[in-house]
Amino acid sequence: MPIDATLPYDDDNVFARILRGEIPSNRVYEDEWAVAFHDIAPQAPVHVLVIPRGRYVSWDDFSERASVEEIAGFVRAVGKVARDAGHVGPGYRLLANTGKRAGQEVGHLHVHIFGGAPLGPMLAR
């Protein structure tokens, strides 16, 4: 069910629970700013989610309220995960859904990293 990206943060969302260790995840990266793990329902041969450790509902919420350090740390984490997976040369896609119309399903900012095969057009034409 898509969420409203303007709603208050829900501390019981699935990514908050992953951050607290209440739900297992196949982590590929973590530092003080972010955690990255494999998606449980991958949409590409490689499908990793990167989430900030902070309580942010969406990209809009994050860009408005996060500190400069949090923003830099998160963006660097996304880049490192893509580099470490070897996606830079062949290419990869980043996706961050924000709000109902974009299909955001979890009210915690997350960036999808897709790779490992040709991904086709951005949107169906």
PDB file of N, CA and C in Angstrom:
ATOM      1  N   MET A   1       0.846  -1.179   0.000  1.00  0.00           N
ATOM      2  CA  MET A   1       0.000   0.000   0.000  1.00  0.00           C
ATOM      3  C   MET A   1       0.893   1.243   0.000  1.00  0.00           C
ATOM      4  N   PRO A   2       0.834   2.069  -1.021  1.00  0.00           N
ATOM      5  CA  PRO A   2       1.652   3.287  -1.041  1.00  0.00           C
ATOM      6  C   PRO A   2       1.338   4.187   0.155  1.00  0.00           C
ATOM      7  N   ILE A   3       2.353   4.912   0.584  1.00  0.00           N
ATOM      8  CA  ILE A   3       2.195   5.772   1.759  1.00  0.00           C
ATOM      9  C   ILE A   3       2.203   7.242   1.364  1.00  0.00           C
ATOM     10  N   ASP A   4       1.757   8.074   2.275  1.00  0.00           N
ATOM     11  CA  ASP A   4       1.798   9.527   2.112  1.00  0.00           C
ATOM     12  C   ASP A   4       3.123   9.991   2.705  1.00  0.00           C
ATOM     13  N   ALA A   5       4.022  10.499   1.860  1.00  0.00           N
ATOM     14  CA  ALA A   5       5.367  10.888   2.294  1.00  0.00           C
ATOM     15  C   ALA A   5       5.371  12.090   3.222  1.00  0.00           C
ATOM     16  N   THR A   6       4.209  12.687   3.478  1.00  0.00           N
ATOM     17  CA  THR A   6       4.147  13.823   4.406  1.00  0.00           C
ATOM     18  C   THR A   6       3.704  13.389   5.804  1.00  0.00           C
ATOM     19  N   LEU A   7       3.395  12.100   5.969  1.00  0.00           N
ATOM     20  CA  LEU A   7       2.971  11.610   7.281  1.00  0.00           C
ATOM     21  C   LEU A   7       4.138  11.613   8.256  1.00  0.00           C
ATOM     22  N   PRO A   8       3.851  11.648   9.555  1.00  0.00           N
ATOM     23  CA  PRO A   8       4.931  11.542  10.545  1.00  0.00           C
ATOM     24  C   PRO A   8       5.634  10.192  10.440  1.00  0.00           C
ATOM     25  N   TYR A   9       6.864  10.141  10.897  1.00  0.00           N
ATOM     26  CA  TYR A   9       7.649   8.910  10.869  1.00  0.00           C
ATOM     27  C   TYR A   9       7.021   7.868  11.783  1.00  0.00           C
ATOM     28  N   ASP A  10       6.942   6.631  11.307  1.00  0.00           N
ATOM     29  CA  ASP A  10       6.405   5.506  12.077  1.00  0.00           C
ATOM     30  C   ASP A  10       7.571   4.649  12.556  1.00  0.00           C
ATOM     31  N   ASP A  11       7.829   4.648  13.855  1.00  0.00           N
ATOM     32  CA  ASP A  11       8.949   3.891  14.415  1.00  0.00           C
ATOM     33  C   ASP A  11       8.787   2.381  14.288  1.00  0.00           C
ATOM     34  N   ASP A  12       7.629   1.920  13.853  1.00  0.00           N
ATOM     35  CA  ASP A  12       7.402   0.486  13.691  1.00  0.00           C
ATOM     36  C   ASP A  12       7.477   0.054  12.227  1.00  0.00           C
ATOM     37  N   ASN A  13       7.927   0.929  11.318  1.00  0.00           N
ATOM     38  CA  ASN A  13       8.029   0.512   9.919  1.00  0.00           C
ATOM     39  C   ASN A  13       9.116  -0.551   9.780  1.00  0.00           C
ATOM     40  N   VAL A  14       9.042  -1.313   8.699  1.00  0.00           N
ATOM     41  CA  VAL A  14       9.934  -2.466   8.530  1.00  0.00           C
ATOM     42  C   VAL A  14      11.411  -2.063   8.528  1.00  0.00           C
ATOM     43  N   PHE A  15      11.759  -0.917   7.960  1.00  0.00           N
ATOM     44  CA  PHE A  15      13.168  -0.521   7.919  1.00  0.00           C
ATOM     45  C   PHE A  15      13.652  -0.055   9.289  1.00  0.00           C
ATOM     46  N   ALA A  16      12.801   0.585  10.068  1.00  0.00           N
ATOM     47  CA  ALA A  16      13.174   0.935  11.442  1.00  0.00           C
ATOM     48  C   ALA A  16      13.439  -0.337  12.239  1.00  0.00           C
ATOM     49  N   ARG A  17      12.632  -1.355  12.007  1.00  0.00           N
ATOM     50  CA  ARG A  17      12.809  -2.630  12.702  1.00  0.00           C
ATOM     51  C   ARG A  17      14.078  -3.344  12.251  1.00  0.00           C
ATOM     52  N   ILE A  18      14.429  -3.229  10.969  1.00  0.00           N
ATOM     53  CA  ILE A  18      15.693  -3.787  10.476  1.00  0.00           C
ATOM     54  C   ILE A  18      16.863  -3.062  11.138  1.00  0.00           C
ATOM     55  N   LEU A  19      16.781  -1.728  11.218  1.00  0.00           N
ATOM     56  CA  LEU A  19      17.859  -0.960  11.856  1.00  0.00           C
ATOM     57  C   LEU A  19      18.062  -1.378  13.310  1.00  0.00           C
ATOM     58  N   ARG A  20      16.975  -1.699  14.000  1.00  0.00           N
ATOM     59  CA  ARG A  20      17.064  -2.112  15.409  1.00  0.00           C
ATOM     60  C   ARG A  20      17.440  -3.585  15.554  1.00  0.00           C
ATOM     61  N   GLY A  21      17.543  -4.329  14.460  1.00  0.00           N
ATOM     62  CA  GLY A  21      17.894  -5.735  14.527  1.00  0.00           C
ATOM     63  C   GLY A  21      16.736  -6.648  14.854  1.00  0.00           C
ATOM     64  N   GLU A  22      15.507  -6.149  14.805  1.00  0.00           N
ATOM     65  CA  GLU A  22      14.329  -6.955  15.103  1.00  0.00           C
ATOM     66  C   GLU A  22      13.929  -7.855  13.932  1.00  0.00           C
ATOM     67  N   ILE A  23      14.322  -7.461  12.738  1.00  0.00           N
ATOM     68  CA  ILE A  23      14.056  -8.236  11.526  1.00  0.00           C
ATOM     69  C   ILE A  23      15.409  -8.489  10.872  1.00  0.00           C
ATOM     70  N   PRO A  24      15.690  -9.727  10.498  1.00  0.00           N
ATOM     71  CA  PRO A  24      16.988 -10.004   9.862  1.00  0.00           C
ATOM     72  C   PRO A  24      17.064  -9.403   8.457  1.00  0.00           C
ATOM     73  N   SER A  25      18.280  -9.113   8.041  1.00  0.00           N
ATOM     74  CA  SER A  25      18.521  -8.620   6.684  1.00  0.00           C
ATOM     75  C   SER A  25      19.886  -9.122   6.234  1.00  0.00           C
ATOM     76  N   ASN A  26      20.041  -9.250   4.930  1.00  0.00           N
ATOM     77  CA  ASN A  26      21.310  -9.664   4.349  1.00  0.00           C
ATOM     78  C   ASN A  26      22.101  -8.395   4.036  1.00  0.00           C
ATOM     79  N   ARG A  27      22.806  -7.882   5.043  1.00  0.00           N
ATOM     80  CA  ARG A  27      23.505  -6.603   4.926  1.00  0.00           C
ATOM     81  C   ARG A  27      24.762  -6.726   4.074  1.00  0.00           C
ATOM     82  N   VAL A  28      24.960  -5.716   3.237  1.00  0.00           N
ATOM     83  CA  VAL A  28      26.164  -5.662   2.420  1.00  0.00           C
ATOM     84  C   VAL A  28      27.045  -4.477   2.804  1.00  0.00           C
ATOM     85  N   TYR A  29      26.507  -3.557   3.610  1.00  0.00           N
ATOM     86  CA  TYR A  29      27.260  -2.369   4.005  1.00  0.00           C
ATOM     87  C   TYR A  29      26.566  -1.725   5.193  1.00  0.00           C
ATOM     88  N   GLU A  30      27.375  -1.163   6.085  1.00  0.00           N
ATOM     89  CA  GLU A  30      26.827  -0.296   7.128  1.00  0.00           C
ATOM     90  C   GLU A  30      27.922   0.580   7.682  1.00  0.00           C
ATOM     91  N   ASP A  31      27.523   1.787   8.043  1.00  0.00           N
ATOM     92  CA  ASP A  31      28.410   2.733   8.710  1.00  0.00           C
ATOM     93  C   ASP A  31      27.540   3.591   9.626  1.00  0.00           C
ATOM     94  N   GLU A  32      28.082   4.690  10.112  1.00  0.00           N
ATOM     95  CA  GLU A  32      27.316   5.506  11.057  1.00  0.00           C
ATOM     96  C   GLU A  32      26.128   6.211  10.422  1.00  0.00           C
ATOM     97  N   TRP A  33      26.083   6.304   9.086  1.00  0.00           N
ATOM     98  CA  TRP A  33      25.037   7.057   8.390  1.00  0.00           C
ATOM     99  C   TRP A  33      23.997   6.187   7.706  1.00  0.00           C
ATOM    100  N   ALA A  34      24.372   4.972   7.302  1.00  0.00           N
ATOM    101  CA  ALA A  34      23.488   4.180   6.442  1.00  0.00           C
ATOM    102  C   ALA A  34      23.689   2.688   6.630  1.00  0.00           C
ATOM    103  N   VAL A  35      22.684   1.936   6.189  1.00  0.00           N
ATOM    104  CA  VAL A  35      22.733   0.479   6.142  1.00  0.00           C
ATOM    105  C   VAL A  35      22.233   0.069   4.762  1.00  0.00           C
ATOM    106  N   ALA A  36      22.900  -0.910   4.152  1.00  0.00           N
ATOM    107  CA  ALA A  36      22.491  -1.427   2.843  1.00  0.00           C
ATOM    108  C   ALA A  36      22.311  -2.935   2.946  1.00  0.00           C
ATOM    109  N   PHE A  37      21.269  -3.430   2.299  1.00  0.00           N
ATOM    110  CA  PHE A  37      20.961  -4.855   2.356  1.00  0.00           C
ATOM    111  C   PHE A  37      20.217  -5.267   1.091  1.00  0.00           C
ATOM    112  N   HIS A  38      20.257  -6.570   0.804  1.00  0.00           N
ATOM    113  CA  HIS A  38      19.561  -7.097  -0.367  1.00  0.00           C
ATOM    114  C   HIS A  38      18.047  -7.033  -0.159  1.00  0.00           C
ATOM    115  N   ASP A  39      17.325  -6.659  -1.213  1.00  0.00           N
ATOM    116  CA  ASP A  39      15.867  -6.643  -1.192  1.00  0.00           C
ATOM    117  C   ASP A  39      15.362  -8.085  -1.119  1.00  0.00           C
ATOM    118  N   ILE A  40      14.316  -8.315  -0.353  1.00  0.00           N
ATOM    119  CA  ILE A  40      13.789  -9.681  -0.218  1.00  0.00           C
ATOM    120  C   ILE A  40      12.967 -10.118  -1.430  1.00  0.00           C
ATOM    121  N   ALA A  41      12.586  -9.164  -2.285  1.00  0.00           N
ATOM    122  CA  ALA A  41      11.843  -9.476  -3.515  1.00  0.00           C
ATOM    123  C   ALA A  41      12.522  -8.740  -4.669  1.00  0.00           C
ATOM    124  N   PRO A  42      13.726  -9.176  -5.065  1.00  0.00           N
ATOM    125  CA  PRO A  42      14.506  -8.425  -6.046  1.00  0.00           C
ATOM    126  C   PRO A  42      13.801  -8.248  -7.383  1.00  0.00           C
ATOM    127  N   GLN A  43      13.959  -7.047  -7.950  1.00  0.00           N
ATOM    128  CA  GLN A  43      13.386  -6.702  -9.243  1.00  0.00           C
ATOM    129  C   GLN A  43      14.445  -6.678 -10.343  1.00  0.00           C
ATOM    130  N   ALA A  44      15.664  -7.047 -10.023  1.00  0.00           N
ATOM    131  CA  ALA A  44      16.786  -7.123 -10.958  1.00  0.00           C
ATOM    132  C   ALA A  44      17.755  -8.154 -10.391  1.00  0.00           C
ATOM    133  N   PRO A  45      18.721  -8.631 -11.193  1.00  0.00           N
ATOM    134  CA  PRO A  45      19.687  -9.596 -10.655  1.00  0.00           C
ATOM    135  C   PRO A  45      20.373  -9.103  -9.377  1.00  0.00           C
ATOM    136  N   VAL A  46      20.664  -7.809  -9.317  1.00  0.00           N
ATOM    137  CA  VAL A  46      21.166  -7.206  -8.084  1.00  0.00           C
ATOM    138  C   VAL A  46      20.185  -6.113  -7.691  1.00  0.00           C
ATOM    139  N   HIS A  47      19.651  -6.202  -6.477  1.00  0.00           N
ATOM    140  CA  HIS A  47      18.686  -5.214  -5.980  1.00  0.00           C
ATOM    141  C   HIS A  47      18.982  -5.000  -4.501  1.00  0.00           C
ATOM    142  N   VAL A  48      19.645  -3.899  -4.233  1.00  0.00           N
ATOM    143  CA  VAL A  48      20.052  -3.560  -2.878  1.00  0.00           C
ATOM    144  C   VAL A  48      19.319  -2.296  -2.440  1.00  0.00           C
ATOM    145  N   LEU A  49      18.922  -2.252  -1.188  1.00  0.00           N
ATOM    146  CA  LEU A  49      18.303  -1.065  -0.601  1.00  0.00           C
ATOM    147  C   LEU A  49      19.319  -0.392   0.310  1.00  0.00           C
ATOM    148  N   VAL A  50      19.374   0.926   0.249  1.00  0.00           N
ATOM    149  CA  VAL A  50      20.231   1.696   1.145  1.00  0.00           C
ATOM    150  C   VAL A  50      19.318   2.624   1.926  1.00  0.00           C
ATOM    151  N   ILE A  51      19.426   2.581   3.250  1.00  0.00           N
ATOM    152  CA  ILE A  51      18.574   3.398   4.108  1.00  0.00           C
ATOM    153  C   ILE A  51      19.438   4.213   5.065  1.00  0.00           C
ATOM    154  N   PRO A  52      19.020   5.440   5.354  1.00  0.00           N
ATOM    155  CA  PRO A  52      19.746   6.208   6.359  1.00  0.00           C
ATOM    156  C   PRO A  52      19.387   5.701   7.749  1.00  0.00           C
ATOM    157  N   ARG A  53      20.266   5.896   8.696  1.00  0.00           N
ATOM    158  CA  ARG A  53      19.979   5.493  10.073  1.00  0.00           C
ATOM    159  C   ARG A  53      18.978   6.428  10.745  1.00  0.00           C
ATOM    160  N   GLY A  54      18.848   7.639  10.223  1.00  0.00           N
ATOM    161  CA  GLY A  54      17.937   8.621  10.814  1.00  0.00           C
ATOM    162  C   GLY A  54      16.484   8.358  10.465  1.00  0.00           C
ATOM    163  N   ARG A  55      15.601   9.018  11.206  1.00  0.00           N
ATOM    164  CA  ARG A  55      14.149   8.859  11.084  1.00  0.00           C
ATOM    165  C   ARG A  55      13.606   9.810  10.011  1.00  0.00           C
ATOM    166  N   TYR A  56      13.721   9.395   8.747  1.00  0.00           N
ATOM    167  CA  TYR A  56      13.252  10.209   7.628  1.00  0.00           C
ATOM    168  C   TYR A  56      12.248   9.422   6.808  1.00  0.00           C
ATOM    169  N   VAL A  57      11.115  10.037   6.521  1.00  0.00           N
ATOM    170  CA  VAL A  57      10.045   9.372   5.790  1.00  0.00           C
ATOM    171  C   VAL A  57      10.375   9.239   4.308  1.00  0.00           C
ATOM    172  N   SER A  58      10.975  10.276   3.728  1.00  0.00           N
ATOM    173  CA  SER A  58      11.153  10.321   2.278  1.00  0.00           C
ATOM    174  C   SER A  58      12.362  11.166   1.914  1.00  0.00           C
ATOM    175  N   TRP A  59      12.667  11.185   0.614  1.00  0.00           N
ATOM    176  CA  TRP A  59      13.759  12.026   0.132  1.00  0.00           C
ATOM    177  C   TRP A  59      13.482  13.489   0.465  1.00  0.00           C
ATOM    178  N   ASP A  60      12.241  13.922   0.302  1.00  0.00           N
ATOM    179  CA  ASP A  60      11.877  15.304   0.610  1.00  0.00           C
ATOM    180  C   ASP A  60      12.124  15.617   2.083  1.00  0.00           C
ATOM    181  N   ASP A  61      11.672  14.746   2.958  1.00  0.00           N
ATOM    182  CA  ASP A  61      11.861  14.907   4.403  1.00  0.00           C
ATOM    183  C   ASP A  61      13.359  14.960   4.740  1.00  0.00           C
ATOM    184  N   PHE A  62      14.122  14.038   4.162  1.00  0.00           N
ATOM    185  CA  PHE A  62      15.565  13.955   4.405  1.00  0.00           C
ATOM    186  C   PHE A  62      16.271  15.229   3.933  1.00  0.00           C
ATOM    187  N   SER A  63      15.977  15.671   2.720  1.00  0.00           N
ATOM    188  CA  SER A  63      16.669  16.839   2.176  1.00  0.00           C
ATOM    189  C   SER A  63      16.328  18.111   2.938  1.00  0.00           C
ATOM    190  N   GLU A  64      15.175  18.142   3.582  1.00  0.00           N
ATOM    191  CA  GLU A  64      14.775  19.317   4.355  1.00  0.00           C
ATOM    192  C   GLU A  64      15.339  19.310   5.777  1.00  0.00           C
ATOM    193  N   ARG A  65      15.393  18.133   6.421  1.00  0.00           N
ATOM    194  CA  ARG A  65      15.711  18.096   7.854  1.00  0.00           C
ATOM    195  C   ARG A  65      17.071  17.514   8.225  1.00  0.00           C
ATOM    196  N   ALA A  66      17.668  16.710   7.363  1.00  0.00           N
ATOM    197  CA  ALA A  66      18.937  16.063   7.722  1.00  0.00           C
ATOM    198  C   ALA A  66      20.078  17.074   7.777  1.00  0.00           C
ATOM    199  N   SER A  67      21.068  16.762   8.588  1.00  0.00           N
ATOM    200  CA  SER A  67      22.261  17.615   8.660  1.00  0.00           C
ATOM    201  C   SER A  67      23.102  17.416   7.402  1.00  0.00           C
ATOM    202  N   VAL A  68      23.992  18.353   7.169  1.00  0.00           N
ATOM    203  CA  VAL A  68      24.912  18.243   6.036  1.00  0.00           C
ATOM    204  C   VAL A  68      25.709  16.941   6.142  1.00  0.00           C
ATOM    205  N   GLU A  69      26.123  16.574   7.355  1.00  0.00           N
ATOM    206  CA  GLU A  69      26.892  15.352   7.552  1.00  0.00           C
ATOM    207  C   GLU A  69      26.080  14.113   7.211  1.00  0.00           C
ATOM    208  N   GLU A  70      24.795  14.091   7.634  1.00  0.00           N
ATOM    209  CA  GLU A  70      23.942  12.947   7.314  1.00  0.00           C
ATOM    210  C   GLU A  70      23.738  12.815   5.807  1.00  0.00           C
ATOM    211  N   ILE A  71      23.488  13.926   5.138  1.00  0.00           N
ATOM    212  CA  ILE A  71      23.267  13.901   3.687  1.00  0.00           C
ATOM    213  C   ILE A  71      24.529  13.402   2.980  1.00  0.00           C
ATOM    214  N   ALA A  72      25.665  13.976   3.328  1.00  0.00           N
ATOM    215  CA  ALA A  72      26.916  13.552   2.689  1.00  0.00           C
ATOM    216  C   ALA A  72      27.198  12.082   2.981  1.00  0.00           C
ATOM    217  N   GLY A  73      27.022  11.663   4.210  1.00  0.00           N
ATOM    218  CA  GLY A  73      27.280  10.270   4.576  1.00  0.00           C
ATOM    219  C   GLY A  73      26.380   9.301   3.841  1.00  0.00           C
ATOM    220  N   PHE A  74      25.106   9.651   3.709  1.00  0.00           N
ATOM    221  CA  PHE A  74      24.163   8.772   3.021  1.00  0.00           C
ATOM    222  C   PHE A  74      24.477   8.685   1.530  1.00  0.00           C
ATOM    223  N   VAL A  75      24.696   9.826   0.899  1.00  0.00           N
ATOM    224  CA  VAL A  75      25.000   9.830  -0.536  1.00  0.00           C
ATOM    225  C   VAL A  75      26.293   9.063  -0.803  1.00  0.00           C
ATOM    226  N   ARG A  76      27.291   9.247   0.045  1.00  0.00           N
ATOM    227  CA  ARG A  76      28.540   8.498  -0.123  1.00  0.00           C
ATOM    228  C   ARG A  76      28.325   6.999   0.065  1.00  0.00           C
ATOM    229  N   ALA A  77      27.464   6.626   0.999  1.00  0.00           N
ATOM    230  CA  ALA A  77      27.171   5.206   1.219  1.00  0.00           C
ATOM    231  C   ALA A  77      26.530   4.588  -0.024  1.00  0.00           C
ATOM    232  N   VAL A  78      25.588   5.301  -0.642  1.00  0.00           N
ATOM    233  CA  VAL A  78      24.952   4.788  -1.864  1.00  0.00           C
ATOM    234  C   VAL A  78      26.017   4.557  -2.936  1.00  0.00           C
ATOM    235  N   GLY A  79      26.900   5.521  -3.128  1.00  0.00           N
ATOM    236  CA  GLY A  79      27.964   5.379  -4.115  1.00  0.00           C
ATOM    237  C   GLY A  79      28.904   4.230  -3.802  1.00  0.00           C
ATOM    238  N   LYS A  80      29.264   4.075  -2.549  1.00  0.00           N
ATOM    239  CA  LYS A  80      30.185   2.994  -2.157  1.00  0.00           C
ATOM    240  C   LYS A  80      29.563   1.625  -2.400  1.00  0.00           C
ATOM    241  N   VAL A  81      28.294   1.472  -2.069  1.00  0.00           N
ATOM    242  CA  VAL A  81      27.628   0.191  -2.288  1.00  0.00           C
ATOM    243  C   VAL A  81      27.633  -0.152  -3.775  1.00  0.00           C
ATOM    244  N   ALA A  82      27.339   0.819  -4.627  1.00  0.00           N
ATOM    245  CA  ALA A  82      27.340   0.583  -6.082  1.00  0.00           C
ATOM    246  C   ALA A  82      28.751   0.258  -6.580  1.00  0.00           C
ATOM    247  N   ARG A  83      29.752   0.995  -6.109  1.00  0.00           N
ATOM    248  CA  ARG A  83      31.140   0.734  -6.519  1.00  0.00           C
ATOM    249  C   ARG A  83      31.596  -0.637  -6.063  1.00  0.00           C
ATOM    250  N   ASP A  84      31.342  -0.962  -4.795  1.00  0.00           N
ATOM    251  CA  ASP A  84      31.789  -2.239  -4.237  1.00  0.00           C
ATOM    252  C   ASP A  84      31.152  -3.432  -4.959  1.00  0.00           C
ATOM    253  N   ALA A  85      29.946  -3.238  -5.495  1.00  0.00           N
ATOM    254  CA  ALA A  85      29.274  -4.316  -6.224  1.00  0.00           C
ATOM    255  C   ALA A  85      29.730  -4.400  -7.676  1.00  0.00           C
ATOM    256  N   GLY A  86      30.588  -3.468  -8.100  1.00  0.00           N
ATOM    257  CA  GLY A  86      31.109  -3.496  -9.461  1.00  0.00           C
ATOM    258  C   GLY A  86      30.162  -2.958 -10.512  1.00  0.00           C
ATOM    259  N   HIS A  87      29.238  -2.098 -10.109  1.00  0.00           N
ATOM    260  CA  HIS A  87      28.224  -1.594 -11.040  1.00  0.00           C
ATOM    261  C   HIS A  87      28.634  -0.364 -11.831  1.00  0.00           C
ATOM    262  N   VAL A  88      29.674   0.318 -11.445  1.00  0.00           N
ATOM    263  CA  VAL A  88      29.995   1.591 -12.086  1.00  0.00           C
ATOM    264  C   VAL A  88      30.291   1.416 -13.567  1.00  0.00           C
ATOM    265  N   GLY A  89      31.148   0.468 -13.923  1.00  0.00           N
ATOM    266  CA  GLY A  89      31.491   0.257 -15.329  1.00  0.00           C
ATOM    267  C   GLY A  89      30.303  -0.145 -16.182  1.00  0.00           C
ATOM    268  N   PRO A  90      29.599  -1.229 -15.827  1.00  0.00           N
ATOM    269  CA  PRO A  90      28.484  -1.671 -16.663  1.00  0.00           C
ATOM    270  C   PRO A  90      27.223  -0.814 -16.499  1.00  0.00           C
ATOM    271  N   GLY A  91      27.097  -0.125 -15.394  1.00  0.00           N
ATOM    272  CA  GLY A  91      25.937   0.738 -15.166  1.00  0.00           C
ATOM    273  C   GLY A  91      24.965   0.177 -14.148  1.00  0.00           C
ATOM    274  N   TYR A  92      24.231   1.081 -13.549  1.00  0.00           N
ATOM    275  CA  TYR A  92      23.229   0.719 -12.551  1.00  0.00           C
ATOM    276  C   TYR A  92      22.171   1.806 -12.504  1.00  0.00           C
ATOM    277  N   ARG A  93      21.094   1.522 -11.807  1.00  0.00           N
ATOM    278  CA  ARG A  93      20.001   2.486 -11.663  1.00  0.00           C
ATOM    279  C   ARG A  93      19.741   2.726 -10.184  1.00  0.00           C
ATOM    280  N   LEU A  94      19.495   3.998  -9.856  1.00  0.00           N
ATOM    281  CA  LEU A  94      19.062   4.379  -8.513  1.00  0.00           C
ATOM    282  C   LEU A  94      17.602   4.781  -8.593  1.00  0.00           C
ATOM    283  N   LEU A  95      16.824   4.405  -7.577  1.00  0.00           N
ATOM    284  CA  LEU A  95      15.420   4.775  -7.532  1.00  0.00           C
ATOM    285  C   LEU A  95      15.050   5.094  -6.091  1.00  0.00           C
ATOM    286  N   ALA A  96      14.425   6.239  -5.895  1.00  0.00           N
ATOM    287  CA  ALA A  96      13.886   6.601  -4.587  1.00  0.00           C
ATOM    288  C   ALA A  96      12.459   7.089  -4.804  1.00  0.00           C
ATOM    289  N   ASN A  97      11.488   6.269  -4.458  1.00  0.00           N
ATOM    290  CA  ASN A  97      10.084   6.655  -4.585  1.00  0.00           C
ATOM    291  C   ASN A  97       9.711   7.570  -3.432  1.00  0.00           C
ATOM    292  N   THR A  98       8.956   8.624  -3.728  1.00  0.00           N
ATOM    293  CA  THR A  98       8.514   9.551  -2.694  1.00  0.00           C
ATOM    294  C   THR A  98       7.011   9.757  -2.820  1.00  0.00           C
ATOM    295  N   GLY A  99       6.269   9.207  -1.872  1.00  0.00           N
ATOM    296  CA  GLY A  99       4.825   9.412  -1.818  1.00  0.00           C
ATOM    297  C   GLY A  99       3.997   8.422  -2.608  1.00  0.00           C
ATOM    298  N   LYS A 100       2.686   8.592  -2.457  1.00  0.00           N
ATOM    299  CA  LYS A 100       1.699   7.684  -3.047  1.00  0.00           C
ATOM    300  C   LYS A 100       1.824   7.555  -4.554  1.00  0.00           C
ATOM    301  N   ARG A 101       1.881   8.685  -5.255  1.00  0.00           N
ATOM    302  CA  ARG A 101       1.879   8.635  -6.722  1.00  0.00           C
ATOM    303  C   ARG A 101       3.119   7.955  -7.279  1.00  0.00           C
ATOM    304  N   ALA A 102       4.200   7.937  -6.517  1.00  0.00           N
ATOM    305  CA  ALA A 102       5.428   7.275  -6.959  1.00  0.00           C
ATOM    306  C   ALA A 102       5.480   5.817  -6.508  1.00  0.00           C
ATOM    307  N   GLY A 103       4.549   5.406  -5.649  1.00  0.00           N
ATOM    308  CA  GLY A 103       4.510   4.021  -5.200  1.00  0.00           C
ATOM    309  C   GLY A 103       5.368   3.724  -3.983  1.00  0.00           C
ATOM    310  N   GLN A 104       5.696   4.750  -3.182  1.00  0.00           N
ATOM    311  CA  GLN A 104       6.479   4.485  -1.972  1.00  0.00           C
ATOM    312  C   GLN A 104       5.672   3.589  -1.042  1.00  0.00           C
ATOM    313  N   GLU A 105       6.267   2.466  -0.639  1.00  0.00           N
ATOM    314  CA  GLU A 105       5.562   1.487   0.180  1.00  0.00           C
ATOM    315  C   GLU A 105       5.984   1.474   1.640  1.00  0.00           C
ATOM    316  N   VAL A 106       7.177   1.941   1.943  1.00  0.00           N
ATOM    317  CA  VAL A 106       7.660   1.972   3.329  1.00  0.00           C
ATOM    318  C   VAL A 106       7.986   3.414   3.685  1.00  0.00           C
ATOM    319  N   GLY A 107       7.462   3.876   4.807  1.00  0.00           N
ATOM    320  CA  GLY A 107       7.654   5.254   5.242  1.00  0.00           C
ATOM    321  C   GLY A 107       8.988   5.498   5.910  1.00  0.00           C
ATOM    322  N   HIS A 108      10.056   5.045   5.281  1.00  0.00           N
ATOM    323  CA  HIS A 108      11.428   5.333   5.697  1.00  0.00           C
ATOM    324  C   HIS A 108      12.200   5.521   4.402  1.00  0.00           C
ATOM    325  N   LEU A 109      12.916   6.641   4.269  1.00  0.00           N
ATOM    326  CA  LEU A 109      13.674   6.886   3.051  1.00  0.00           C
ATOM    327  C   LEU A 109      14.509   5.670   2.692  1.00  0.00           C
ATOM    328  N   HIS A 110      14.461   5.276   1.441  1.00  0.00           N
ATOM    329  CA  HIS A 110      15.310   4.198   0.953  1.00  0.00           C
ATOM    330  C   HIS A 110      15.587   4.412  -0.523  1.00  0.00           C
ATOM    331  N   VAL A 111      16.798   4.062  -0.908  1.00  0.00           N
ATOM    332  CA  VAL A 111      17.220   4.128  -2.300  1.00  0.00           C
ATOM    333  C   VAL A 111      17.445   2.705  -2.776  1.00  0.00           C
ATOM    334  N   HIS A 112      16.830   2.375  -3.903  1.00  0.00           N
ATOM    335  CA  HIS A 112      17.038   1.080  -4.537  1.00  0.00           C
ATOM    336  C   HIS A 112      18.239   1.206  -5.467  1.00  0.00           C
ATOM    337  N   ILE A 113      19.138   0.227  -5.429  1.00  0.00           N
ATOM    338  CA  ILE A 113      20.216   0.120  -6.416  1.00  0.00           C
ATOM    339  C   ILE A 113      19.923  -1.136  -7.223  1.00  0.00           C
ATOM    340  N   PHE A 114      19.701  -0.950  -8.529  1.00  0.00           N
ATOM    341  CA  PHE A 114      19.432  -2.062  -9.440  1.00  0.00           C
ATOM    342  C   PHE A 114      20.628  -2.239 -10.356  1.00  0.00           C
ATOM    343  N   GLY A 115      21.023  -3.469 -10.617  1.00  0.00           N
ATOM    344  CA  GLY A 115      22.122  -3.723 -11.534  1.00  0.00           C
ATOM    345  C   GLY A 115      22.193  -5.189 -11.910  1.00  0.00           C
ATOM    346  N   GLY A 116      23.269  -5.524 -12.614  1.00  0.00           N
ATOM    347  CA  GLY A 116      23.516  -6.911 -12.954  1.00  0.00           C
ATOM    348  C   GLY A 116      22.966  -7.371 -14.286  1.00  0.00           C
ATOM    349  N   ALA A 117      22.246  -6.486 -14.990  1.00  0.00           N
ATOM    350  CA  ALA A 117      21.690  -6.832 -16.306  1.00  0.00           C
ATOM    351  C   ALA A 117      21.187  -5.553 -16.942  1.00  0.00           C
ATOM    352  N   PRO A 118      20.985  -5.548 -18.271  1.00  0.00           N
ATOM    353  CA  PRO A 118      20.352  -4.376 -18.905  1.00  0.00           C
ATOM    354  C   PRO A 118      18.979  -4.150 -18.269  1.00  0.00           C
ATOM    355  N   LEU A 119      18.687  -2.917 -17.916  1.00  0.00           N
ATOM    356  CA  LEU A 119      17.475  -2.619 -17.157  1.00  0.00           C
ATOM    357  C   LEU A 119      16.333  -2.057 -17.996  1.00  0.00           C
ATOM    358  N   GLY A 120      16.580  -1.761 -19.252  1.00  0.00           N
ATOM    359  CA  GLY A 120      15.498  -1.261 -20.095  1.00  0.00           C
ATOM    360  C   GLY A 120      15.188   0.203 -19.826  1.00  0.00           C
ATOM    361  N   PRO A 121      14.087   0.678 -20.402  1.00  0.00           N
ATOM    362  CA  PRO A 121      13.730   2.097 -20.254  1.00  0.00           C
ATOM    363  C   PRO A 121      13.302   2.422 -18.819  1.00  0.00           C
ATOM    364  N   MET A 122      13.400   3.674 -18.467  1.00  0.00           N
ATOM    365  CA  MET A 122      13.002   4.119 -17.130  1.00  0.00           C
ATOM    366  C   MET A 122      11.528   3.849 -16.854  1.00  0.00           C
ATOM    367  N   LEU A 123      10.685   4.219 -17.804  1.00  0.00           N
ATOM    368  CA  LEU A 123       9.237   4.035 -17.649  1.00  0.00           C
ATOM    369  C   LEU A 123       8.685   3.352 -18.889  1.00  0.00           C
ATOM    370  N   ALA A 124       7.630   2.584 -18.702  1.00  0.00           N
ATOM    371  CA  ALA A 124       6.967   1.978 -19.865  1.00  0.00           C
ATOM    372  C   ALA A 124       6.417   3.105 -20.735  1.00  0.00           C
ATOM    373  N   ARG A 125       6.584   2.972 -22.009  1.00  0.00           N
ATOM    374  CA  ARG A 125       6.148   4.034 -22.915  1.00  0.00           C
ATOM    375  C   ARG A 125       4.747   3.784 -23.398  1.00  0.00           C
TER     376      ARG A 125
END
